[in-house]
Amino acid sequence: MIALDPEAYDGKPITVRGRFRGRNLQGDMPSWPRQSASDFVLQAADGAIWVTGAKPKGKGFDLDPQARRDLGRWLEVSGTLTIAEGQPMLKATVIAQSSPDDEGPLA
């Protein structure tokens, strides 16, 4: 879906559910887009995406993009997909906790 054709979603609102991977601590993405110190990767069944624009925190959670202890936590992120230097990024507006049963893109 998004991973196969990110250009089709460019500028559109999307919601993605997946595992928190910190600041690419598992090497899911080629490079850090350096939008902010709170940027992080969200990995779902069909790929991974950089999340920018909001810290990975909300009601009942506050994750550290540089800490391995937070890897694997499930999140649902809503925002707008953008593409910068050929790399898809999700500019987040809402971040919430999720669960493995909810994995995947909701675009």
PDB file of N, CA and C in Angstrom:
ATOM      1  N   MET A   1       0.824  -1.167   0.000  1.00  0.00           N
ATOM      2  CA  MET A   1       0.000   0.000   0.000  1.00  0.00           C
ATOM      3  C   MET A   1       0.880   1.245   0.000  1.00  0.00           C
ATOM      4  N   ILE A   2       1.059   1.879   1.155  1.00  0.00           N
ATOM      5  CA  ILE A   2       1.869   3.093   1.206  1.00  0.00           C
ATOM      6  C   ILE A   2       3.309   2.792   0.807  1.00  0.00           C
ATOM      7  N   ALA A   3       3.851   1.687   1.302  1.00  0.00           N
ATOM      8  CA  ALA A   3       5.244   1.333   1.016  1.00  0.00           C
ATOM      9  C   ALA A   3       5.468   1.072  -0.465  1.00  0.00           C
ATOM     10  N   LEU A   4       4.474   0.555  -1.152  1.00  0.00           N
ATOM     11  CA  LEU A   4       4.618   0.223  -2.562  1.00  0.00           C
ATOM     12  C   LEU A   4       4.484   1.432  -3.477  1.00  0.00           C
ATOM     13  N   ASP A   5       3.679   2.419  -3.067  1.00  0.00           N
ATOM     14  CA  ASP A   5       3.449   3.587  -3.917  1.00  0.00           C
ATOM     15  C   ASP A   5       3.227   4.845  -3.069  1.00  0.00           C
ATOM     16  N   PRO A   6       4.269   5.314  -2.361  1.00  0.00           N
ATOM     17  CA  PRO A   6       4.080   6.473  -1.480  1.00  0.00           C
ATOM     18  C   PRO A   6       3.647   7.737  -2.216  1.00  0.00           C
ATOM     19  N   GLU A   7       4.037   7.885  -3.470  1.00  0.00           N
ATOM     20  CA  GLU A   7       3.667   9.084  -4.233  1.00  0.00           C
ATOM     21  C   GLU A   7       2.151   9.230  -4.353  1.00  0.00           C
ATOM     22  N   ALA A   8       1.424   8.114  -4.368  1.00  0.00           N
ATOM     23  CA  ALA A   8      -0.031   8.161  -4.470  1.00  0.00           C
ATOM     24  C   ALA A   8      -0.672   8.777  -3.231  1.00  0.00           C
ATOM     25  N   TYR A   9       0.054   8.793  -2.116  1.00  0.00           N
ATOM     26  CA  TYR A   9      -0.467   9.330  -0.866  1.00  0.00           C
ATOM     27  C   TYR A   9       0.126  10.695  -0.516  1.00  0.00           C
ATOM     28  N   ASP A  10       1.027  11.205  -1.332  1.00  0.00           N
ATOM     29  CA  ASP A  10       1.706  12.470  -1.049  1.00  0.00           C
ATOM     30  C   ASP A  10       0.695  13.595  -0.836  1.00  0.00           C
ATOM     31  N   GLY A  11       0.798  14.258   0.315  1.00  0.00           N
ATOM     32  CA  GLY A  11      -0.082  15.376   0.645  1.00  0.00           C
ATOM     33  C   GLY A  11      -1.435  14.970   1.188  1.00  0.00           C
ATOM     34  N   LYS A  12      -1.667  13.676   1.357  1.00  0.00           N
ATOM     35  CA  LYS A  12      -2.965  13.191   1.819  1.00  0.00           C
ATOM     36  C   LYS A  12      -2.908  12.780   3.287  1.00  0.00           C
ATOM     37  N   PRO A  13      -4.043  12.887   3.974  1.00  0.00           N
ATOM     38  CA  PRO A  13      -4.089  12.413   5.364  1.00  0.00           C
ATOM     39  C   PRO A  13      -4.095  10.892   5.405  1.00  0.00           C
ATOM     40  N   ILE A  14      -3.319  10.338   6.331  1.00  0.00           N
ATOM     41  CA  ILE A  14      -3.267   8.889   6.509  1.00  0.00           C
ATOM     42  C   ILE A  14      -3.177   8.570   8.002  1.00  0.00           C
ATOM     43  N   THR A  15      -3.475   7.338   8.330  1.00  0.00           N
ATOM     44  CA  THR A  15      -3.280   6.813   9.679  1.00  0.00           C
ATOM     45  C   THR A  15      -2.545   5.494   9.536  1.00  0.00           C
ATOM     46  N   VAL A  16      -1.490   5.324  10.337  1.00  0.00           N
ATOM     47  CA  VAL A  16      -0.681   4.108  10.284  1.00  0.00           C
ATOM     48  C   VAL A  16      -0.555   3.547  11.692  1.00  0.00           C
ATOM     49  N   ARG A  17      -0.660   2.229  11.796  1.00  0.00           N
ATOM     50  CA  ARG A  17      -0.441   1.541  13.064  1.00  0.00           C
ATOM     51  C   ARG A  17       0.778   0.646  12.910  1.00  0.00           C
ATOM     52  N   GLY A  18       1.623   0.631  13.939  1.00  0.00           N
ATOM     53  CA  GLY A  18       2.786  -0.237  13.877  1.00  0.00           C
ATOM     54  C   GLY A  18       3.654  -0.135  15.102  1.00  0.00           C
ATOM     55  N   ARG A  19       4.827  -0.724  15.004  1.00  0.00           N
ATOM     56  CA  ARG A  19       5.774  -0.784  16.110  1.00  0.00           C
ATOM     57  C   ARG A  19       6.721   0.420  16.088  1.00  0.00           C
ATOM     58  N   PHE A  20       6.910   0.996  17.260  1.00  0.00           N
ATOM     59  CA  PHE A  20       7.860   2.088  17.453  1.00  0.00           C
ATOM     60  C   PHE A  20       9.277   1.551  17.285  1.00  0.00           C
ATOM     61  N   ARG A  21      10.062   2.172  16.414  1.00  0.00           N
ATOM     62  CA  ARG A  21      11.433   1.727  16.155  1.00  0.00           C
ATOM     63  C   ARG A  21      12.466   2.798  16.503  1.00  0.00           C
ATOM     64  N   GLY A  22      12.032   3.811  17.273  1.00  0.00           N
ATOM     65  CA  GLY A  22      12.961   4.860  17.688  1.00  0.00           C
ATOM     66  C   GLY A  22      13.527   5.602  16.493  1.00  0.00           C
ATOM     67  N   ARG A  23      14.676   6.204  16.694  1.00  0.00           N
ATOM     68  CA  ARG A  23      15.324   6.944  15.610  1.00  0.00           C
ATOM     69  C   ARG A  23      16.066   5.953  14.720  1.00  0.00           C
ATOM     70  N   ASN A  24      15.281   5.065  14.090  1.00  0.00           N
ATOM     71  CA  ASN A  24      15.805   4.085  13.138  1.00  0.00           C
ATOM     72  C   ASN A  24      16.814   3.143  13.795  1.00  0.00           C
ATOM     73  N   LEU A  25      16.546   2.773  15.040  1.00  0.00           N
ATOM     74  CA  LEU A  25      17.482   1.944  15.797  1.00  0.00           C
ATOM     75  C   LEU A  25      17.600   0.522  15.258  1.00  0.00           C
ATOM     76  N   GLN A  26      16.649   0.099  14.423  1.00  0.00           N
ATOM     77  CA  GLN A  26      16.699  -1.230  13.827  1.00  0.00           C
ATOM     78  C   GLN A  26      17.074  -1.176  12.343  1.00  0.00           C
ATOM     79  N   GLY A  27      17.387   0.019  11.826  1.00  0.00           N
ATOM     80  CA  GLY A  27      17.811   0.158  10.433  1.00  0.00           C
ATOM     81  C   GLY A  27      16.700  -0.088   9.419  1.00  0.00           C
ATOM     82  N   ASP A  28      15.458   0.222   9.776  1.00  0.00           N
ATOM     83  CA  ASP A  28      14.325   0.017   8.874  1.00  0.00           C
ATOM     84  C   ASP A  28      14.304   1.009   7.708  1.00  0.00           C
ATOM     85  N   MET A  29      14.866   2.178   7.907  1.00  0.00           N
ATOM     86  CA  MET A  29      14.859   3.231   6.886  1.00  0.00           C
ATOM     87  C   MET A  29      16.298   3.589   6.523  1.00  0.00           C
ATOM     88  N   PRO A  30      16.508   4.133   5.309  1.00  0.00           N
ATOM     89  CA  PRO A  30      17.880   4.409   4.870  1.00  0.00           C
ATOM     90  C   PRO A  30      18.600   5.527   5.613  1.00  0.00           C
ATOM     91  N   SER A  31      17.882   6.561   6.046  1.00  0.00           N
ATOM     92  CA  SER A  31      18.557   7.671   6.718  1.00  0.00           C
ATOM     93  C   SER A  31      17.562   8.476   7.536  1.00  0.00           C
ATOM     94  N   TRP A  32      18.085   9.303   8.431  1.00  0.00           N
ATOM     95  CA  TRP A  32      17.258  10.160   9.275  1.00  0.00           C
ATOM     96  C   TRP A  32      16.983  11.469   8.533  1.00  0.00           C
ATOM     97  N   PRO A  33      15.707  11.886   8.404  1.00  0.00           N
ATOM     98  CA  PRO A  33      15.396  13.119   7.665  1.00  0.00           C
ATOM     99  C   PRO A  33      15.748  14.402   8.411  1.00  0.00           C
ATOM    100  N   ARG A  34      16.089  14.295   9.685  1.00  0.00           N
ATOM    101  CA  ARG A  34      16.504  15.439  10.503  1.00  0.00           C
ATOM    102  C   ARG A  34      15.511  16.606  10.467  1.00  0.00           C
ATOM    103  N   GLN A  35      14.255  16.274  10.621  1.00  0.00           N
ATOM    104  CA  GLN A  35      13.229  17.308  10.728  1.00  0.00           C
ATOM    105  C   GLN A  35      13.191  17.871  12.149  1.00  0.00           C
ATOM    106  N   SER A  36      13.350  16.965  13.154  1.00  0.00           N
ATOM    107  CA  SER A  36      13.388  17.394  14.553  1.00  0.00           C
ATOM    108  C   SER A  36      14.040  16.293  15.388  1.00  0.00           C
ATOM    109  N   ALA A  37      14.376  16.628  16.623  1.00  0.00           N
ATOM    110  CA  ALA A  37      15.009  15.657  17.521  1.00  0.00           C
ATOM    111  C   ALA A  37      14.050  14.546  17.935  1.00  0.00           C
ATOM    112  N   SER A  38      12.751  14.738  17.704  1.00  0.00           N
ATOM    113  CA  SER A  38      11.776  13.729  18.104  1.00  0.00           C
ATOM    114  C   SER A  38      11.345  12.815  16.954  1.00  0.00           C
ATOM    115  N   ASP A  39      11.947  12.943  15.771  1.00  0.00           N
ATOM    116  CA  ASP A  39      11.611  12.065  14.648  1.00  0.00           C
ATOM    117  C   ASP A  39      11.798  10.607  15.044  1.00  0.00           C
ATOM    118  N   PHE A  40      10.918   9.736  14.547  1.00  0.00           N
ATOM    119  CA  PHE A  40      11.047   8.313  14.831  1.00  0.00           C
ATOM    120  C   PHE A  40      10.485   7.493  13.678  1.00  0.00           C
ATOM    121  N   VAL A  41      10.826   6.215  13.665  1.00  0.00           N
ATOM    122  CA  VAL A  41      10.347   5.285  12.647  1.00  0.00           C
ATOM    123  C   VAL A  41       9.207   4.453  13.225  1.00  0.00           C
ATOM    124  N   LEU A  42       8.192   4.255  12.405  1.00  0.00           N
ATOM    125  CA  LEU A  42       7.092   3.356  12.737  1.00  0.00           C
ATOM    126  C   LEU A  42       7.132   2.238  11.709  1.00  0.00           C
ATOM    127  N   GLN A  43       7.202   0.999  12.174  1.00  0.00           N
ATOM    128  CA  GLN A  43       7.312  -0.154  11.281  1.00  0.00           C
ATOM    129  C   GLN A  43       6.017  -0.960  11.337  1.00  0.00           C
ATOM    130  N   ALA A  44       5.435  -1.191  10.154  1.00  0.00           N
ATOM    131  CA  ALA A  44       4.220  -1.995  10.039  1.00  0.00           C
ATOM    132  C   ALA A  44       4.505  -3.164   9.099  1.00  0.00           C
ATOM    133  N   ALA A  45       3.536  -4.023   8.927  1.00  0.00           N
ATOM    134  CA  ALA A  45       3.720  -5.250   8.144  1.00  0.00           C
ATOM    135  C   ALA A  45       4.268  -4.995   6.747  1.00  0.00           C
ATOM    136  N   ASP A  46       3.843  -3.934   6.105  1.00  0.00           N
ATOM    137  CA  ASP A  46       4.231  -3.703   4.713  1.00  0.00           C
ATOM    138  C   ASP A  46       5.388  -2.720   4.540  1.00  0.00           C
ATOM    139  N   GLY A  47       6.039  -2.319   5.617  1.00  0.00           N
ATOM    140  CA  GLY A  47       7.174  -1.407   5.492  1.00  0.00           C
ATOM    141  C   GLY A  47       7.351  -0.549   6.726  1.00  0.00           C
ATOM    142  N   ALA A  48       8.064   0.554   6.540  1.00  0.00           N
ATOM    143  CA  ALA A  48       8.338   1.478   7.636  1.00  0.00           C
ATOM    144  C   ALA A  48       8.250   2.897   7.111  1.00  0.00           C
ATOM    145  N   ILE A  49       8.051   3.839   8.019  1.00  0.00           N
ATOM    146  CA  ILE A  49       7.940   5.239   7.634  1.00  0.00           C
ATOM    147  C   ILE A  49       8.493   6.114   8.757  1.00  0.00           C
ATOM    148  N   TRP A  50       9.131   7.215   8.366  1.00  0.00           N
ATOM    149  CA  TRP A  50       9.566   8.212   9.337  1.00  0.00           C
ATOM    150  C   TRP A  50       8.357   9.014   9.782  1.00  0.00           C
ATOM    151  N   VAL A  51       8.266   9.296  11.074  1.00  0.00           N
ATOM    152  CA  VAL A  51       7.222  10.144  11.641  1.00  0.00           C
ATOM    153  C   VAL A  51       7.901  11.404  12.160  1.00  0.00           C
ATOM    154  N   THR A  52       7.396  12.555  11.735  1.00  0.00           N
ATOM    155  CA  THR A  52       7.942  13.846  12.146  1.00  0.00           C
ATOM    156  C   THR A  52       6.799  14.712  12.680  1.00  0.00           C
ATOM    157  N   GLY A  53       7.162  15.846  13.256  1.00  0.00           N
ATOM    158  CA  GLY A  53       6.159  16.832  13.628  1.00  0.00           C
ATOM    159  C   GLY A  53       5.545  16.693  15.003  1.00  0.00           C
ATOM    160  N   ALA A  54       5.788  15.592  15.689  1.00  0.00           N
ATOM    161  CA  ALA A  54       5.235  15.409  17.037  1.00  0.00           C
ATOM    162  C   ALA A  54       6.113  14.438  17.811  1.00  0.00           C
ATOM    163  N   LYS A  55       6.182  14.640  19.097  1.00  0.00           N
ATOM    164  CA  LYS A  55       6.942  13.720  19.949  1.00  0.00           C
ATOM    165  C   LYS A  55       6.151  12.430  20.123  1.00  0.00           C
ATOM    166  N   PRO A  56       6.853  11.299  20.284  1.00  0.00           N
ATOM    167  CA  PRO A  56       6.153  10.035  20.487  1.00  0.00           C
ATOM    168  C   PRO A  56       5.669   9.898  21.923  1.00  0.00           C
ATOM    169  N   LYS A  57       4.638  10.694  22.242  1.00  0.00           N
ATOM    170  CA  LYS A  57       4.091  10.655  23.589  1.00  0.00           C
ATOM    171  C   LYS A  57       2.624  11.009  23.541  1.00  0.00           C
ATOM    172  N   GLY A  58       1.933  10.585  24.555  1.00  0.00           N
ATOM    173  CA  GLY A  58       0.505  10.844  24.665  1.00  0.00           C
ATOM    174  C   GLY A  58       0.004  10.308  25.991  1.00  0.00           C
ATOM    175  N   LYS A  59      -1.290  10.096  26.078  1.00  0.00           N
ATOM    176  CA  LYS A  59      -1.898   9.625  27.313  1.00  0.00           C
ATOM    177  C   LYS A  59      -1.328   8.254  27.688  1.00  0.00           C
ATOM    178  N   GLY A  60      -0.571   8.209  28.776  1.00  0.00           N
ATOM    179  CA  GLY A  60      -0.031   6.965  29.291  1.00  0.00           C
ATOM    180  C   GLY A  60       1.282   6.507  28.694  1.00  0.00           C
ATOM    181  N   PHE A  61       1.908   7.289  27.828  1.00  0.00           N
ATOM    182  CA  PHE A  61       3.200   6.895  27.267  1.00  0.00           C
ATOM    183  C   PHE A  61       4.030   8.116  26.875  1.00  0.00           C
ATOM    184  N   ASP A  62       5.346   7.958  26.972  1.00  0.00           N
ATOM    185  CA  ASP A  62       6.308   8.985  26.581  1.00  0.00           C
ATOM    186  C   ASP A  62       7.562   8.229  26.154  1.00  0.00           C
ATOM    187  N   LEU A  63       7.717   8.012  24.837  1.00  0.00           N
ATOM    188  CA  LEU A  63       8.797   7.181  24.310  1.00  0.00           C
ATOM    189  C   LEU A  63      10.008   8.022  23.918  1.00  0.00           C
ATOM    190  N   ASP A  64      11.171   7.437  24.057  1.00  0.00           N
ATOM    191  CA  ASP A  64      12.429   8.100  23.733  1.00  0.00           C
ATOM    192  C   ASP A  64      12.953   7.536  22.412  1.00  0.00           C
ATOM    193  N   PRO A  65      13.064   8.368  21.357  1.00  0.00           N
ATOM    194  CA  PRO A  65      13.543   7.891  20.059  1.00  0.00           C
ATOM    195  C   PRO A  65      14.954   7.304  20.082  1.00  0.00           C
ATOM    196  N   GLN A  66      15.721   7.566  21.132  1.00  0.00           N
ATOM    197  CA  GLN A  66      17.087   7.061  21.195  1.00  0.00           C
ATOM    198  C   GLN A  66      17.248   5.874  22.155  1.00  0.00           C
ATOM    199  N   ALA A  67      16.143   5.424  22.756  1.00  0.00           N
ATOM    200  CA  ALA A  67      16.228   4.359  23.766  1.00  0.00           C
ATOM    201  C   ALA A  67      15.688   3.033  23.239  1.00  0.00           C
ATOM    202  N   ARG A  68      16.530   2.020  23.266  1.00  0.00           N
ATOM    203  CA  ARG A  68      16.113   0.685  22.816  1.00  0.00           C
ATOM    204  C   ARG A  68      15.025   0.083  23.707  1.00  0.00           C
ATOM    205  N   ARG A  69      14.941   0.518  24.945  1.00  0.00           N
ATOM    206  CA  ARG A  69      13.936  -0.038  25.857  1.00  0.00           C
ATOM    207  C   ARG A  69      12.504   0.244  25.371  1.00  0.00           C
ATOM    208  N   ASP A  70      12.331   1.269  24.553  1.00  0.00           N
ATOM    209  CA  ASP A  70      10.989   1.630  24.072  1.00  0.00           C
ATOM    210  C   ASP A  70      10.624   0.965  22.744  1.00  0.00           C
ATOM    211  N   LEU A  71      11.569   0.261  22.122  1.00  0.00           N
ATOM    212  CA  LEU A  71      11.308  -0.367  20.829  1.00  0.00           C
ATOM    213  C   LEU A  71      10.202  -1.413  20.949  1.00  0.00           C
ATOM    214  N   GLY A  72       9.404  -1.508  19.904  1.00  0.00           N
ATOM    215  CA  GLY A  72       8.355  -2.516  19.855  1.00  0.00           C
ATOM    216  C   GLY A  72       7.018  -2.081  20.408  1.00  0.00           C
ATOM    217  N   ARG A  73       6.963  -0.932  21.059  1.00  0.00           N
ATOM    218  CA  ARG A  73       5.676  -0.429  21.561  1.00  0.00           C
ATOM    219  C   ARG A  73       4.793  -0.102  20.362  1.00  0.00           C
ATOM    220  N   TRP A  74       3.516  -0.373  20.471  1.00  0.00           N
ATOM    221  CA  TRP A  74       2.586  -0.179  19.367  1.00  0.00           C
ATOM    222  C   TRP A  74       1.938   1.199  19.425  1.00  0.00           C
ATOM    223  N   LEU A  75       1.947   1.886  18.262  1.00  0.00           N
ATOM    224  CA  LEU A  75       1.363   3.219  18.157  1.00  0.00           C
ATOM    225  C   LEU A  75       0.441   3.306  16.949  1.00  0.00           C
ATOM    226  N   GLU A  76      -0.480   4.247  17.020  1.00  0.00           N
ATOM    227  CA  GLU A  76      -1.298   4.632  15.877  1.00  0.00           C
ATOM    228  C   GLU A  76      -1.014   6.105  15.643  1.00  0.00           C
ATOM    229  N   VAL A  77      -0.592   6.436  14.422  1.00  0.00           N
ATOM    230  CA  VAL A  77      -0.206   7.813  14.107  1.00  0.00           C
ATOM    231  C   VAL A  77      -1.034   8.307  12.926  1.00  0.00           C
ATOM    232  N   SER A  78      -1.639   9.473  13.095  1.00  0.00           N
ATOM    233  CA  SER A  78      -2.395  10.118  12.017  1.00  0.00           C
ATOM    234  C   SER A  78      -1.705  11.414  11.648  1.00  0.00           C
ATOM    235  N   GLY A  79      -1.755  11.744  10.371  1.00  0.00           N
ATOM    236  CA  GLY A  79      -1.147  12.975   9.891  1.00  0.00           C
ATOM    237  C   GLY A  79      -1.188  13.031   8.378  1.00  0.00           C
ATOM    238  N   THR A  80      -0.244  13.767   7.799  1.00  0.00           N
ATOM    239  CA  THR A  80      -0.183  13.949   6.355  1.00  0.00           C
ATOM    240  C   THR A  80       1.111  13.361   5.826  1.00  0.00           C
ATOM    241  N   LEU A  81       1.005  12.572   4.767  1.00  0.00           N
ATOM    242  CA  LEU A  81       2.186  11.984   4.154  1.00  0.00           C
ATOM    243  C   LEU A  81       2.874  13.020   3.266  1.00  0.00           C
ATOM    244  N   THR A  82       4.185  13.127   3.405  1.00  0.00           N
ATOM    245  CA  THR A  82       4.991  13.966   2.524  1.00  0.00           C
ATOM    246  C   THR A  82       6.162  13.132   2.031  1.00  0.00           C
ATOM    247  N   ILE A  83       6.754  13.569   0.944  1.00  0.00           N
ATOM    248  CA  ILE A  83       7.928  12.884   0.420  1.00  0.00           C
ATOM    249  C   ILE A  83       9.045  13.915   0.311  1.00  0.00           C
ATOM    250  N   ALA A  84      10.163  13.634   0.953  1.00  0.00           N
ATOM    251  CA  ALA A  84      11.325  14.522   0.938  1.00  0.00           C
ATOM    252  C   ALA A  84      12.542  13.702   0.529  1.00  0.00           C
ATOM    253  N   GLU A  85      13.221  14.154  -0.492  1.00  0.00           N
ATOM    254  CA  GLU A  85      14.402  13.463  -1.007  1.00  0.00           C
ATOM    255  C   GLU A  85      14.097  11.996  -1.299  1.00  0.00           C
ATOM    256  N   GLY A  86      12.911  11.748  -1.850  1.00  0.00           N
ATOM    257  CA  GLY A  86      12.514  10.405  -2.229  1.00  0.00           C
ATOM    258  C   GLY A  86      12.080   9.510  -1.091  1.00  0.00           C
ATOM    259  N   GLN A  87      12.027  10.048   0.096  1.00  0.00           N
ATOM    260  CA  GLN A  87      11.705   9.262   1.289  1.00  0.00           C
ATOM    261  C   GLN A  87      10.350   9.679   1.859  1.00  0.00           C
ATOM    262  N   PRO A  88       9.413   8.723   2.042  1.00  0.00           N
ATOM    263  CA  PRO A  88       8.126   9.089   2.634  1.00  0.00           C
ATOM    264  C   PRO A  88       8.269   9.419   4.115  1.00  0.00           C
ATOM    265  N   MET A  89       7.514  10.428   4.540  1.00  0.00           N
ATOM    266  CA  MET A  89       7.481  10.832   5.943  1.00  0.00           C
ATOM    267  C   MET A  89       6.044  11.153   6.310  1.00  0.00           C
ATOM    268  N   LEU A  90       5.692  10.830   7.522  1.00  0.00           N
ATOM    269  CA  LEU A  90       4.361  11.134   8.026  1.00  0.00           C
ATOM    270  C   LEU A  90       4.482  12.292   9.001  1.00  0.00           C
ATOM    271  N   LYS A  91       3.910  13.437   8.638  1.00  0.00           N
ATOM    272  CA  LYS A  91       3.906  14.588   9.544  1.00  0.00           C
ATOM    273  C   LYS A  91       2.722  14.397  10.489  1.00  0.00           C
ATOM    274  N   ALA A  92       3.038  14.005  11.714  1.00  0.00           N
ATOM    275  CA  ALA A  92       2.022  13.579  12.680  1.00  0.00           C
ATOM    276  C   ALA A  92       1.219  14.736  13.253  1.00  0.00           C
ATOM    277  N   THR A  93      -0.060  14.479  13.450  1.00  0.00           N
ATOM    278  CA  THR A  93      -0.925  15.406  14.170  1.00  0.00           C
ATOM    279  C   THR A  93      -1.501  14.743  15.414  1.00  0.00           C
ATOM    280  N   VAL A  94      -1.657  13.393  15.373  1.00  0.00           N
ATOM    281  CA  VAL A  94      -2.195  12.649  16.512  1.00  0.00           C
ATOM    282  C   VAL A  94      -1.395  11.359  16.675  1.00  0.00           C
ATOM    283  N   ILE A  95      -0.967  11.077  17.914  1.00  0.00           N
ATOM    284  CA  ILE A  95      -0.260   9.837  18.228  1.00  0.00           C
ATOM    285  C   ILE A  95      -0.946   9.207  19.431  1.00  0.00           C
ATOM    286  N   ALA A  96      -1.284   7.922  19.292  1.00  0.00           N
ATOM    287  CA  ALA A  96      -1.936   7.194  20.378  1.00  0.00           C
ATOM    288  C   ALA A  96      -1.337   5.802  20.499  1.00  0.00           C
ATOM    289  N   GLN A  97      -1.504   5.175  21.657  1.00  0.00           N
ATOM    290  CA  GLN A  97      -1.086   3.789  21.830  1.00  0.00           C
ATOM    291  C   GLN A  97      -2.002   2.895  20.999  1.00  0.00           C
ATOM    292  N   SER A  98      -1.474   1.759  20.581  1.00  0.00           N
ATOM    293  CA  SER A  98      -2.248   0.809  19.787  1.00  0.00           C
ATOM    294  C   SER A  98      -1.912  -0.593  20.260  1.00  0.00           C
ATOM    295  N   SER A  99      -2.262  -1.596  19.461  1.00  0.00           N
ATOM    296  CA  SER A  99      -1.961  -2.986  19.817  1.00  0.00           C
ATOM    297  C   SER A  99      -1.633  -3.786  18.561  1.00  0.00           C
ATOM    298  N   PRO A 100      -1.001  -4.953  18.714  1.00  0.00           N
ATOM    299  CA  PRO A 100      -0.652  -5.771  17.546  1.00  0.00           C
ATOM    300  C   PRO A 100      -1.867  -6.164  16.708  1.00  0.00           C
ATOM    301  N   ASP A 101      -3.024  -6.287  17.310  1.00  0.00           N
ATOM    302  CA  ASP A 101      -4.222  -6.658  16.553  1.00  0.00           C
ATOM    303  C   ASP A 101      -4.622  -5.600  15.544  1.00  0.00           C
ATOM    304  N   ASP A 102      -4.134  -4.386  15.736  1.00  0.00           N
ATOM    305  CA  ASP A 102      -4.502  -3.265  14.877  1.00  0.00           C
ATOM    306  C   ASP A 102      -3.433  -2.932  13.844  1.00  0.00           C
ATOM    307  N   GLU A 103      -2.427  -3.795  13.651  1.00  0.00           N
ATOM    308  CA  GLU A 103      -1.286  -3.472  12.809  1.00  0.00           C
ATOM    309  C   GLU A 103      -1.695  -3.122  11.388  1.00  0.00           C
ATOM    310  N   GLY A 104      -0.960  -2.161  10.809  1.00  0.00           N
ATOM    311  CA  GLY A 104      -1.079  -1.866   9.387  1.00  0.00           C
ATOM    312  C   GLY A 104      -1.557  -0.476   9.095  1.00  0.00           C
ATOM    313  N   PRO A 105      -1.507  -0.101   7.811  1.00  0.00           N
ATOM    314  CA  PRO A 105      -1.942   1.221   7.393  1.00  0.00           C
ATOM    315  C   PRO A 105      -3.459   1.279   7.314  1.00  0.00           C
ATOM    316  N   LEU A 106      -3.990   2.439   7.571  1.00  0.00           N
ATOM    317  CA  LEU A 106      -5.427   2.644   7.496  1.00  0.00           C
ATOM    318  C   LEU A 106      -5.792   3.637   6.412  1.00  0.00           C
ATOM    319  N   ALA A 107      -4.796   4.107   5.659  1.00  0.00           N
ATOM    320  CA  ALA A 107      -4.971   5.145   4.639  1.00  0.00           C
ATOM    321  C   ALA A 107      -6.300   5.070   4.030  1.00  0.00           C
TER     322      ALA A 107
END
